[in-house]
C-alpha atoms as a PDB file:
ATOM      1  CA  UNK A   1       0.715 -36.819  21.380  1.00  0.00           C
ATOM      2  CA  UNK A   2       3.693 -39.167  20.967  1.00  0.00           C
ATOM      3  CA  UNK A   3       2.579 -41.117  24.039  1.00  0.00           C
ATOM      4  CA  UNK A   4      -0.958 -41.482  22.625  1.00  0.00           C
ATOM      5  CA  UNK A   5       0.449 -42.739  19.300  1.00  0.00           C
ATOM      6  CA  UNK A   6       2.699 -45.203  21.106  1.00  0.00           C
ATOM      7  CA  UNK A   7      -0.225 -46.561  23.118  1.00  0.00           C
ATOM      8  CA  UNK A   8      -2.322 -46.892  19.949  1.00  0.00           C
ATOM      9  CA  UNK A   9       0.469 -48.782  18.188  1.00  0.00           C
ATOM     10  CA  UNK A  10       1.022 -50.986  21.234  1.00  0.00           C
ATOM     11  CA  UNK A  11      -2.618 -52.079  21.367  1.00  0.00           C
ATOM     12  CA  UNK A  12      -2.798 -52.467  17.576  1.00  0.00           C
ATOM     13  CA  UNK A  13       0.100 -54.923  17.796  1.00  0.00           C
ATOM     14  CA  UNK A  14      -1.529 -56.746  20.723  1.00  0.00           C
ATOM     15  CA  UNK A  15      -4.797 -57.074  18.787  1.00  0.00           C
ATOM     16  CA  UNK A  16      -3.166 -58.382  15.624  1.00  0.00           C
ATOM     17  CA  UNK A  17      -1.114 -60.984  17.469  1.00  0.00           C
ATOM     18  CA  UNK A  18      -3.687 -62.129  20.014  1.00  0.00           C
ATOM     19  CA  UNK A  19      -5.109 -65.640  20.179  1.00  0.00           C
ATOM     20  CA  UNK A  20      -7.217 -67.679  22.607  1.00  0.00           C
ATOM     21  CA  UNK A  21      -4.295 -69.888  23.632  1.00  0.00           C
ATOM     22  CA  UNK A  22      -3.786 -68.294  27.037  1.00  0.00           C
ATOM     23  CA  UNK A  23      -7.535 -68.484  27.743  1.00  0.00           C
ATOM     24  CA  UNK A  24      -7.629 -72.178  26.811  1.00  0.00           C
ATOM     25  CA  UNK A  25      -5.013 -72.770  29.494  1.00  0.00           C
ATOM     26  CA  UNK A  26      -7.418 -71.045  31.938  1.00  0.00           C
ATOM     27  CA  UNK A  27     -10.315 -73.373  31.102  1.00  0.00           C
ATOM     28  CA  UNK A  28     -11.972 -71.542  28.197  1.00  0.00           C
ATOM     29  CA  UNK A  29     -12.926 -73.343  24.997  1.00  0.00           C
ATOM     30  CA  UNK A  30     -11.671 -71.835  21.743  1.00  0.00           C
ATOM     31  CA  UNK A  31     -14.872 -71.146  19.769  1.00  0.00           C
ATOM     32  CA  UNK A  32     -13.130 -70.540  16.449  1.00  0.00           C
ATOM     33  CA  UNK A  33     -15.137 -73.187  14.581  1.00  0.00           C
ATOM     34  CA  UNK A  34     -18.360 -72.507  16.521  1.00  0.00           C
ATOM     35  CA  UNK A  35     -18.569 -68.797  15.704  1.00  0.00           C
ATOM     36  CA  UNK A  36     -19.008 -66.487  12.729  1.00  0.00           C
ATOM     37  CA  UNK A  37     -18.332 -62.739  12.530  1.00  0.00           C
ATOM     38  CA  UNK A  38     -19.922 -60.518   9.880  1.00  0.00           C
ATOM     39  CA  UNK A  39     -19.856 -56.778   9.335  1.00  0.00           C
ATOM     40  CA  UNK A  40     -23.345 -55.243   9.421  1.00  0.00           C
ATOM     41  CA  UNK A  41     -22.594 -51.643   8.578  1.00  0.00           C
ATOM     42  CA  UNK A  42     -21.042 -48.346   9.548  1.00  0.00           C
ATOM     43  CA  UNK A  43     -22.152 -46.020  12.313  1.00  0.00           C
ATOM     44  CA  UNK A  44     -23.133 -42.464  11.279  1.00  0.00           C
ATOM     45  CA  UNK A  45     -20.486 -39.749  11.585  1.00  0.00           C
ATOM     46  CA  UNK A  46     -22.302 -38.129  14.516  1.00  0.00           C
ATOM     47  CA  UNK A  47     -21.358 -41.226  16.533  1.00  0.00           C
ATOM     48  CA  UNK A  48     -17.615 -40.720  16.296  1.00  0.00           C
ATOM     49  CA  UNK A  49     -16.617 -43.010  19.179  1.00  0.00           C
ATOM     50  CA  UNK A  50     -19.227 -45.581  20.131  1.00  0.00           C
ATOM     51  CA  UNK A  51     -18.323 -46.658  23.663  1.00  0.00           C
ATOM     52  CA  UNK A  52     -21.493 -48.486  24.677  1.00  0.00           C
ATOM     53  CA  UNK A  53     -24.266 -50.558  23.108  1.00  0.00           C
ATOM     54  CA  UNK A  54     -27.552 -51.731  24.611  1.00  0.00           C
ATOM     55  CA  UNK A  55     -30.499 -53.623  23.163  1.00  0.00           C
ATOM     56  CA  UNK A  56     -33.808 -51.793  23.462  1.00  0.00           C
ATOM     57  CA  UNK A  57     -37.141 -53.544  23.963  1.00  0.00           C
ATOM     58  CA  UNK A  58     -38.178 -52.606  20.402  1.00  0.00           C
ATOM     59  CA  UNK A  59     -35.212 -54.462  18.916  1.00  0.00           C
ATOM     60  CA  UNK A  60     -33.192 -51.366  18.065  1.00  0.00           C
ATOM     61  CA  UNK A  61     -29.829 -50.477  19.591  1.00  0.00           C
ATOM     62  CA  UNK A  62     -28.803 -47.605  21.836  1.00  0.00           C
ATOM     63  CA  UNK A  63     -25.306 -46.123  21.765  1.00  0.00           C
ATOM     64  CA  UNK A  64     -23.359 -43.011  22.778  1.00  0.00           C
ATOM     65  CA  UNK A  65     -20.037 -41.219  22.403  1.00  0.00           C
ATOM     66  CA  UNK A  66     -17.478 -41.292  25.198  1.00  0.00           C
ATOM     67  CA  UNK A  67     -17.388 -37.486  25.621  1.00  0.00           C
ATOM     68  CA  UNK A  68     -19.067 -34.321  24.366  1.00  0.00           C
ATOM     69  CA  UNK A  69     -22.782 -33.724  24.681  1.00  0.00           C
ATOM     70  CA  UNK A  70     -24.800 -36.068  26.936  1.00  0.00           C
ATOM     71  CA  UNK A  71     -26.708 -37.741  24.120  1.00  0.00           C
ATOM     72  CA  UNK A  72     -28.027 -41.220  23.398  1.00  0.00           C
ATOM     73  CA  UNK A  73     -28.484 -42.388  19.814  1.00  0.00           C
ATOM     74  CA  UNK A  74     -31.002 -44.996  18.704  1.00  0.00           C
ATOM     75  CA  UNK A  75     -29.859 -46.970  15.677  1.00  0.00           C
ATOM     76  CA  UNK A  76     -30.930 -49.955  13.651  1.00  0.00           C
ATOM     77  CA  UNK A  77     -28.724 -53.053  13.637  1.00  0.00           C
ATOM     78  CA  UNK A  78     -27.436 -51.869  10.241  1.00  0.00           C
ATOM     79  CA  UNK A  79     -26.058 -48.748  11.910  1.00  0.00           C
ATOM     80  CA  UNK A  80     -28.696 -46.423  10.444  1.00  0.00           C
ATOM     81  CA  UNK A  81     -29.521 -43.529  12.803  1.00  0.00           C
ATOM     82  CA  UNK A  82     -33.127 -43.343  14.010  1.00  0.00           C
ATOM     83  CA  UNK A  83     -33.024 -40.639  16.678  1.00  0.00           C
ATOM     84  CA  UNK A  84     -30.869 -38.604  19.050  1.00  0.00           C
ATOM     85  CA  UNK A  85     -31.877 -37.745  22.609  1.00  0.00           C
ATOM     86  CA  UNK A  86     -30.153 -35.363  25.024  1.00  0.00           C
ATOM     87  CA  UNK A  87     -30.279 -36.694  28.607  1.00  0.00           C
ATOM     88  CA  UNK A  88     -31.005 -33.534  30.566  1.00  0.00           C
ATOM     89  CA  UNK A  89     -29.441 -33.076  33.981  1.00  0.00           C
ATOM     90  CA  UNK A  90     -26.354 -35.134  33.128  1.00  0.00           C
ATOM     91  CA  UNK A  91     -22.812 -34.531  31.907  1.00  0.00           C
ATOM     92  CA  UNK A  92     -20.683 -36.682  29.656  1.00  0.00           C
ATOM     93  CA  UNK A  93     -17.376 -36.618  31.492  1.00  0.00           C
ATOM     94  CA  UNK A  94     -16.410 -40.044  30.165  1.00  0.00           C
ATOM     95  CA  UNK A  95     -19.381 -42.245  29.280  1.00  0.00           C
ATOM     96  CA  UNK A  96     -18.100 -45.771  28.702  1.00  0.00           C
ATOM     97  CA  UNK A  97     -20.950 -48.302  28.677  1.00  0.00           C
ATOM     98  CA  UNK A  98     -24.721 -48.786  28.673  1.00  0.00           C
ATOM     99  CA  UNK A  99     -27.100 -51.346  30.114  1.00  0.00           C
ATOM    100  CA  UNK A 100     -30.852 -51.712  30.659  1.00  0.00           C
ATOM    101  CA  UNK A 101     -33.118 -53.483  33.142  1.00  0.00           C
ATOM    102  CA  UNK A 102     -36.464 -55.268  32.953  1.00  0.00           C
ATOM    103  CA  UNK A 103     -38.323 -52.046  33.832  1.00  0.00           C
ATOM    104  CA  UNK A 104     -36.923 -50.300  30.701  1.00  0.00           C
ATOM    105  CA  UNK A 105     -34.573 -48.076  32.703  1.00  0.00           C
ATOM    106  CA  UNK A 106     -31.310 -47.152  30.984  1.00  0.00           C
ATOM    107  CA  UNK A 107     -28.033 -47.003  32.927  1.00  0.00           C
ATOM    108  CA  UNK A 108     -25.189 -44.854  31.597  1.00  0.00           C
ATOM    109  CA  UNK A 109     -21.745 -45.545  33.012  1.00  0.00           C
ATOM    110  CA  UNK A 110     -19.953 -42.213  33.457  1.00  0.00           C
ATOM    111  CA  UNK A 111     -16.990 -43.936  35.062  1.00  0.00           C
ATOM    112  CA  UNK A 112     -14.163 -43.736  32.535  1.00  0.00           C
ATOM    113  CA  UNK A 113     -11.000 -43.026  34.515  1.00  0.00           C
ATOM    114  CA  UNK A 114      -8.011 -43.165  32.146  1.00  0.00           C
ATOM    115  CA  UNK A 115      -5.808 -41.073  34.418  1.00  0.00           C
ATOM    116  CA  UNK A 116      -6.866 -42.880  37.626  1.00  0.00           C
ATOM    117  CA  UNK A 117      -7.719 -39.550  39.311  1.00  0.00           C
ATOM    118  CA  UNK A 118     -11.513 -39.165  39.194  1.00  0.00           C
ATOM    119  CA  UNK A 119     -13.460 -38.658  42.406  1.00  0.00           C
ATOM    120  CA  UNK A 120     -16.827 -38.178  40.704  1.00  0.00           C
ATOM    121  CA  UNK A 121     -17.511 -41.681  39.375  1.00  0.00           C
ATOM    122  CA  UNK A 122     -21.216 -42.187  38.680  1.00  0.00           C
ATOM    123  CA  UNK A 123     -23.915 -44.041  36.832  1.00  0.00           C
ATOM    124  CA  UNK A 124     -26.952 -42.203  35.494  1.00  0.00           C
ATOM    125  CA  UNK A 125     -30.253 -44.090  35.732  1.00  0.00           C
ATOM    126  CA  UNK A 126     -32.740 -42.802  33.157  1.00  0.00           C
ATOM    127  CA  UNK A 127     -36.199 -44.319  33.547  1.00  0.00           C
ATOM    128  CA  UNK A 128     -39.163 -44.719  31.229  1.00  0.00           C
ATOM    129  CA  UNK A 129     -40.791 -41.627  32.775  1.00  0.00           C
ATOM    130  CA  UNK A 130     -37.965 -39.487  31.354  1.00  0.00           C
ATOM    131  CA  UNK A 131     -36.421 -38.668  34.723  1.00  0.00           C
ATOM    132  CA  UNK A 132     -32.801 -39.284  35.685  1.00  0.00           C
ATOM    133  CA  UNK A 133     -31.149 -40.037  39.015  1.00  0.00           C
ATOM    134  CA  UNK A 134     -27.511 -40.437  39.922  1.00  0.00           C
ATOM    135  CA  UNK A 135     -25.723 -43.410  41.476  1.00  0.00           C
ATOM    136  CA  UNK A 136     -22.306 -42.291  42.760  1.00  0.00           C
ATOM    137  CA  UNK A 137     -19.515 -44.512  44.011  1.00  0.00           C
ATOM    138  CA  UNK A 138     -15.856 -44.873  44.913  1.00  0.00           C
ATOM    139  CA  UNK A 139     -13.462 -47.813  45.039  1.00  0.00           C
ATOM    140  CA  UNK A 140     -12.605 -48.881  48.579  1.00  0.00           C
ATOM    141  CA  UNK A 141      -9.161 -50.038  47.451  1.00  0.00           C
ATOM    142  CA  UNK A 142      -8.174 -46.712  45.846  1.00  0.00           C
ATOM    143  CA  UNK A 143      -6.524 -44.287  48.270  1.00  0.00           C
ATOM    144  CA  UNK A 144      -4.328 -42.261  45.888  1.00  0.00           C
ATOM    145  CA  UNK A 145      -5.488 -39.942  43.089  1.00  0.00           C
ATOM    146  CA  UNK A 146      -4.032 -40.651  40.616  1.00  0.00           C
ATOM    147  CA  UNK A 147      -3.418 -44.257  41.589  1.00  0.00           C
ATOM    148  CA  UNK A 148       0.168 -45.446  40.966  1.00  0.00           C
ATOM    149  CA  UNK A 149      -1.097 -48.881  39.871  1.00  0.00           C
ATOM    150  CA  UNK A 150      -3.449 -48.233  36.975  1.00  0.00           C
ATOM    151  CA  UNK A 151      -6.305 -50.626  37.652  1.00  0.00           C
ATOM    152  CA  UNK A 152      -9.123 -48.151  38.416  1.00  0.00           C
ATOM    153  CA  UNK A 153     -10.439 -47.371  34.956  1.00  0.00           C
ATOM    154  CA  UNK A 154     -13.815 -48.920  34.062  1.00  0.00           C
ATOM    155  CA  UNK A 155     -15.509 -49.311  30.683  1.00  0.00           C
ATOM    156  CA  UNK A 156     -17.751 -52.330  31.248  1.00  0.00           C
ATOM    157  CA  UNK A 157     -20.886 -53.140  33.237  1.00  0.00           C
ATOM    158  CA  UNK A 158     -24.303 -54.774  33.070  1.00  0.00           C
ATOM    159  CA  UNK A 159     -27.503 -55.024  35.113  1.00  0.00           C
ATOM    160  CA  UNK A 160     -28.645 -58.277  36.710  1.00  0.00           C
ATOM    161  CA  UNK A 161     -31.345 -58.842  39.358  1.00  0.00           C
ATOM    162  CA  UNK A 162     -31.242 -55.375  40.897  1.00  0.00           C
ATOM    163  CA  UNK A 163     -27.465 -55.019  40.842  1.00  0.00           C
ATOM    164  CA  UNK A 164     -24.930 -53.399  38.528  1.00  0.00           C
ATOM    165  CA  UNK A 165     -21.760 -55.410  37.891  1.00  0.00           C
ATOM    166  CA  UNK A 166     -18.627 -53.466  36.963  1.00  0.00           C
ATOM    167  CA  UNK A 167     -15.413 -54.811  35.411  1.00  0.00           C
ATOM    168  CA  UNK A 168     -12.291 -52.665  35.372  1.00  0.00           C
ATOM    169  CA  UNK A 169      -9.854 -51.994  32.551  1.00  0.00           C
ATOM    170  CA  UNK A 170      -6.172 -52.256  33.431  1.00  0.00           C
ATOM    171  CA  UNK A 171      -3.540 -49.932  31.961  1.00  0.00           C
ATOM    172  CA  UNK A 172      -0.702 -51.987  33.428  1.00  0.00           C
ATOM    173  CA  UNK A 173       1.650 -53.650  30.942  1.00  0.00           C
ATOM    174  CA  UNK A 174       2.873 -56.153  33.551  1.00  0.00           C
ATOM    175  CA  UNK A 175       0.348 -58.346  35.388  1.00  0.00           C
ATOM    176  CA  UNK A 176      -2.815 -56.727  33.954  1.00  0.00           C
ATOM    177  CA  UNK A 177      -6.078 -57.650  35.687  1.00  0.00           C
ATOM    178  CA  UNK A 178      -9.787 -56.934  35.675  1.00  0.00           C
ATOM    179  CA  UNK A 179     -11.524 -56.383  39.006  1.00  0.00           C
ATOM    180  CA  UNK A 180     -15.189 -57.163  39.563  1.00  0.00           C
ATOM    181  CA  UNK A 181     -17.325 -54.862  41.711  1.00  0.00           C
ATOM    182  CA  UNK A 182     -21.094 -54.606  42.206  1.00  0.00           C
ATOM    183  CA  UNK A 183     -23.552 -52.084  43.634  1.00  0.00           C
ATOM    184  CA  UNK A 184     -27.329 -51.601  43.903  1.00  0.00           C
ATOM    185  CA  UNK A 185     -29.233 -50.145  40.931  1.00  0.00           C
ATOM    186  CA  UNK A 186     -30.778 -47.406  43.084  1.00  0.00           C
ATOM    187  CA  UNK A 187     -29.744 -43.794  43.609  1.00  0.00           C
ATOM    188  CA  UNK A 188     -27.220 -43.398  46.423  1.00  0.00           C
ATOM    189  CA  UNK A 189     -23.544 -43.043  47.227  1.00  0.00           C
ATOM    190  CA  UNK A 190     -21.623 -46.306  47.552  1.00  0.00           C
ATOM    191  CA  UNK A 191     -18.182 -47.587  48.477  1.00  0.00           C
ATOM    192  CA  UNK A 192     -17.318 -50.625  46.361  1.00  0.00           C
ATOM    193  CA  UNK A 193     -15.144 -53.482  47.522  1.00  0.00           C
ATOM    194  CA  UNK A 194     -13.380 -55.871  45.159  1.00  0.00           C
ATOM    195  CA  UNK A 195     -15.282 -59.119  44.798  1.00  0.00           C
ATOM    196  CA  UNK A 196     -12.681 -60.961  42.726  1.00  0.00           C
ATOM    197  CA  UNK A 197      -9.807 -60.460  40.303  1.00  0.00           C
ATOM    198  CA  UNK A 198      -9.178 -61.941  36.857  1.00  0.00           C
ATOM    199  CA  UNK A 199      -5.702 -62.061  35.289  1.00  0.00           C
ATOM    200  CA  UNK A 200      -6.266 -60.983  31.695  1.00  0.00           C
ATOM    201  CA  UNK A 201      -3.855 -59.805  29.003  1.00  0.00           C
ATOM    202  CA  UNK A 202      -6.172 -57.438  27.101  1.00  0.00           C
ATOM    203  CA  UNK A 203      -8.050 -54.406  28.486  1.00  0.00           C
ATOM    204  CA  UNK A 204     -11.750 -55.080  29.185  1.00  0.00           C
ATOM    205  CA  UNK A 205     -13.847 -52.541  27.258  1.00  0.00           C
ATOM    206  CA  UNK A 206     -17.479 -53.750  27.514  1.00  0.00           C
ATOM    207  CA  UNK A 207     -19.728 -56.351  29.141  1.00  0.00           C
ATOM    208  CA  UNK A 208     -23.232 -57.766  28.871  1.00  0.00           C
ATOM    209  CA  UNK A 209     -25.316 -60.670  30.134  1.00  0.00           C
ATOM    210  CA  UNK A 210     -27.294 -62.991  27.872  1.00  0.00           C
ATOM    211  CA  UNK A 211     -31.085 -62.538  27.698  1.00  0.00           C
ATOM    212  CA  UNK A 212     -31.627 -65.911  29.406  1.00  0.00           C
ATOM    213  CA  UNK A 213     -29.208 -64.933  32.197  1.00  0.00           C
ATOM    214  CA  UNK A 214     -27.162 -68.128  31.836  1.00  0.00           C
ATOM    215  CA  UNK A 215     -23.853 -66.560  30.816  1.00  0.00           C
ATOM    216  CA  UNK A 216     -22.179 -63.195  30.359  1.00  0.00           C
ATOM    217  CA  UNK A 217     -19.535 -61.797  28.034  1.00  0.00           C
ATOM    218  CA  UNK A 218     -16.542 -59.502  28.414  1.00  0.00           C
ATOM    219  CA  UNK A 219     -15.221 -57.686  25.361  1.00  0.00           C
ATOM    220  CA  UNK A 220     -11.498 -56.941  25.085  1.00  0.00           C
ATOM    221  CA  UNK A 221      -9.245 -55.589  22.390  1.00  0.00           C
ATOM    222  CA  UNK A 222      -9.258 -58.657  20.167  1.00  0.00           C
ATOM    223  CA  UNK A 223     -11.453 -61.171  22.022  1.00  0.00           C
ATOM    224  CA  UNK A 224     -14.837 -61.946  23.544  1.00  0.00           C
ATOM    225  CA  UNK A 225     -14.783 -64.064  26.704  1.00  0.00           C
ATOM    226  CA  UNK A 226     -17.823 -65.949  28.023  1.00  0.00           C
ATOM    227  CA  UNK A 227     -18.487 -66.990  31.630  1.00  0.00           C
ATOM    228  CA  UNK A 228     -21.265 -69.221  32.921  1.00  0.00           C
ATOM    229  CA  UNK A 229     -23.689 -67.870  35.526  1.00  0.00           C
ATOM    230  CA  UNK A 230     -24.305 -70.579  38.130  1.00  0.00           C
ATOM    231  CA  UNK A 231     -26.775 -70.279  41.019  1.00  0.00           C
ATOM    232  CA  UNK A 232     -27.559 -66.783  39.718  1.00  0.00           C
ATOM    233  CA  UNK A 233     -24.104 -65.566  40.826  1.00  0.00           C
ATOM    234  CA  UNK A 234     -21.874 -63.333  38.702  1.00  0.00           C
ATOM    235  CA  UNK A 235     -18.218 -64.316  39.041  1.00  0.00           C
ATOM    236  CA  UNK A 236     -15.120 -65.494  37.154  1.00  0.00           C
ATOM    237  CA  UNK A 237     -15.288 -69.079  38.438  1.00  0.00           C
ATOM    238  CA  UNK A 238     -16.854 -70.733  35.385  1.00  0.00           C
ATOM    239  CA  UNK A 239     -15.072 -69.825  32.115  1.00  0.00           C
ATOM    240  CA  UNK A 240     -16.895 -71.005  29.007  1.00  0.00           C
ATOM    241  CA  UNK A 241     -15.515 -69.826  25.693  1.00  0.00           C
ATOM    242  CA  UNK A 242     -13.224 -67.459  23.830  1.00  0.00           C
ATOM    243  CA  UNK A 243     -13.760 -65.875  20.408  1.00  0.00           C
ATOM    244  CA  UNK A 244     -10.920 -64.072  18.661  1.00  0.00           C
ATOM    245  CA  UNK A 245     -12.306 -60.948  16.943  1.00  0.00           C
ATOM    246  CA  UNK A 246      -9.306 -58.928  15.668  1.00  0.00           C
ATOM    247  CA  UNK A 247     -11.582 -56.080  14.536  1.00  0.00           C
ATOM    248  CA  UNK A 248      -9.344 -53.176  15.586  1.00  0.00           C
ATOM    249  CA  UNK A 249     -10.107 -51.283  18.815  1.00  0.00           C
ATOM    250  CA  UNK A 250     -13.388 -52.868  19.922  1.00  0.00           C
ATOM    251  CA  UNK A 251     -15.185 -50.785  22.563  1.00  0.00           C
ATOM    252  CA  UNK A 252     -18.858 -51.771  22.850  1.00  0.00           C
ATOM    253  CA  UNK A 253     -20.948 -54.951  22.978  1.00  0.00           C
ATOM    254  CA  UNK A 254     -24.521 -56.111  23.506  1.00  0.00           C
ATOM    255  CA  UNK A 255     -26.404 -59.404  23.226  1.00  0.00           C
ATOM    256  CA  UNK A 256     -29.259 -59.360  20.718  1.00  0.00           C
ATOM    257  CA  UNK A 257     -30.181 -63.000  21.423  1.00  0.00           C
ATOM    258  CA  UNK A 258     -28.781 -65.890  23.447  1.00  0.00           C
ATOM    259  CA  UNK A 259     -26.519 -66.801  20.519  1.00  0.00           C
ATOM    260  CA  UNK A 260     -25.855 -63.421  18.880  1.00  0.00           C
ATOM    261  CA  UNK A 261     -23.813 -60.392  19.914  1.00  0.00           C
ATOM    262  CA  UNK A 262     -23.322 -56.991  18.321  1.00  0.00           C
ATOM    263  CA  UNK A 263     -20.048 -55.167  18.859  1.00  0.00           C
ATOM    264  CA  UNK A 264     -18.498 -51.973  17.528  1.00  0.00           C
ATOM    265  CA  UNK A 265     -15.045 -50.444  17.316  1.00  0.00           C
ATOM    266  CA  UNK A 266     -13.624 -46.938  17.548  1.00  0.00           C
ATOM    267  CA  UNK A 267     -13.431 -46.812  13.769  1.00  0.00           C
ATOM    268  CA  UNK A 268     -17.248 -46.879  13.573  1.00  0.00           C
ATOM    269  CA  UNK A 269     -17.701 -50.427  12.287  1.00  0.00           C
ATOM    270  CA  UNK A 270     -20.625 -52.524  13.532  1.00  0.00           C
ATOM    271  CA  UNK A 271     -20.348 -56.318  13.636  1.00  0.00           C
ATOM    272  CA  UNK A 272     -22.472 -59.325  14.548  1.00  0.00           C
ATOM    273  CA  UNK A 273     -20.994 -62.509  15.953  1.00  0.00           C
ATOM    274  CA  UNK A 274     -23.032 -65.717  15.954  1.00  0.00           C
ATOM    275  CA  UNK A 275     -21.756 -68.432  18.269  1.00  0.00           C
ATOM    276  CA  UNK A 276     -22.519 -71.745  19.915  1.00  0.00           C
ATOM    277  CA  UNK A 277     -21.332 -72.399  23.454  1.00  0.00           C
ATOM    278  CA  UNK A 278     -20.355 -75.847  24.764  1.00  0.00           C
END
């Protein structure tokens, strides 16, 4: 309990004191004057820890809790609850993010790995015909369970052109990083190899790609980082912009247009950020 409180205080301090200065030195543009953040509402009590957000084709938002029953909740952008749906044939070991594809399939990332010891990492693919299949995977660079270097947690992914792109959350206080992996969006068992590594001071807690596919965003405790997608390739090579959020422990994010993002925090607040990229 004391350790959990210490960690919470540590990240609260990091959030309150964060800025985009270090990102500017990495090639990002500080979007302070080109962005606006407004609170839209409060999530219902049944959603006590929103860990993922995804835009549905009807304009509403899908979210979930990070443990408990395997349920998805449809909400309005105000936070008002519309419906709850149990995803049969699944378990919520540690659901951490959501994404969708152009065929209206929903992908649920059951890959939270706080203690670096899980051997049952998986993504549930729930299609429009109400059936669910499992995509299981392991990290090629993890050989110890638990791993002594805590870089094998994951809370962020998105779908793009038949692939799922994962971004890890580091628990290391010295030299924290985020690793990028990818795998096919089809049922199977995969071994993932690191594609690239990003040095980043805050833990990555969510990700999404813009509707036009030209850039993607990573959410951290205190910031949103944007990267350009060139030649249809997802990588860290083209940093675009940084927005300082400072809205407590932010855990989930989704684009609702090419210039608007919704994000939520563990305290149940729902926000919209409007921005303009260079």
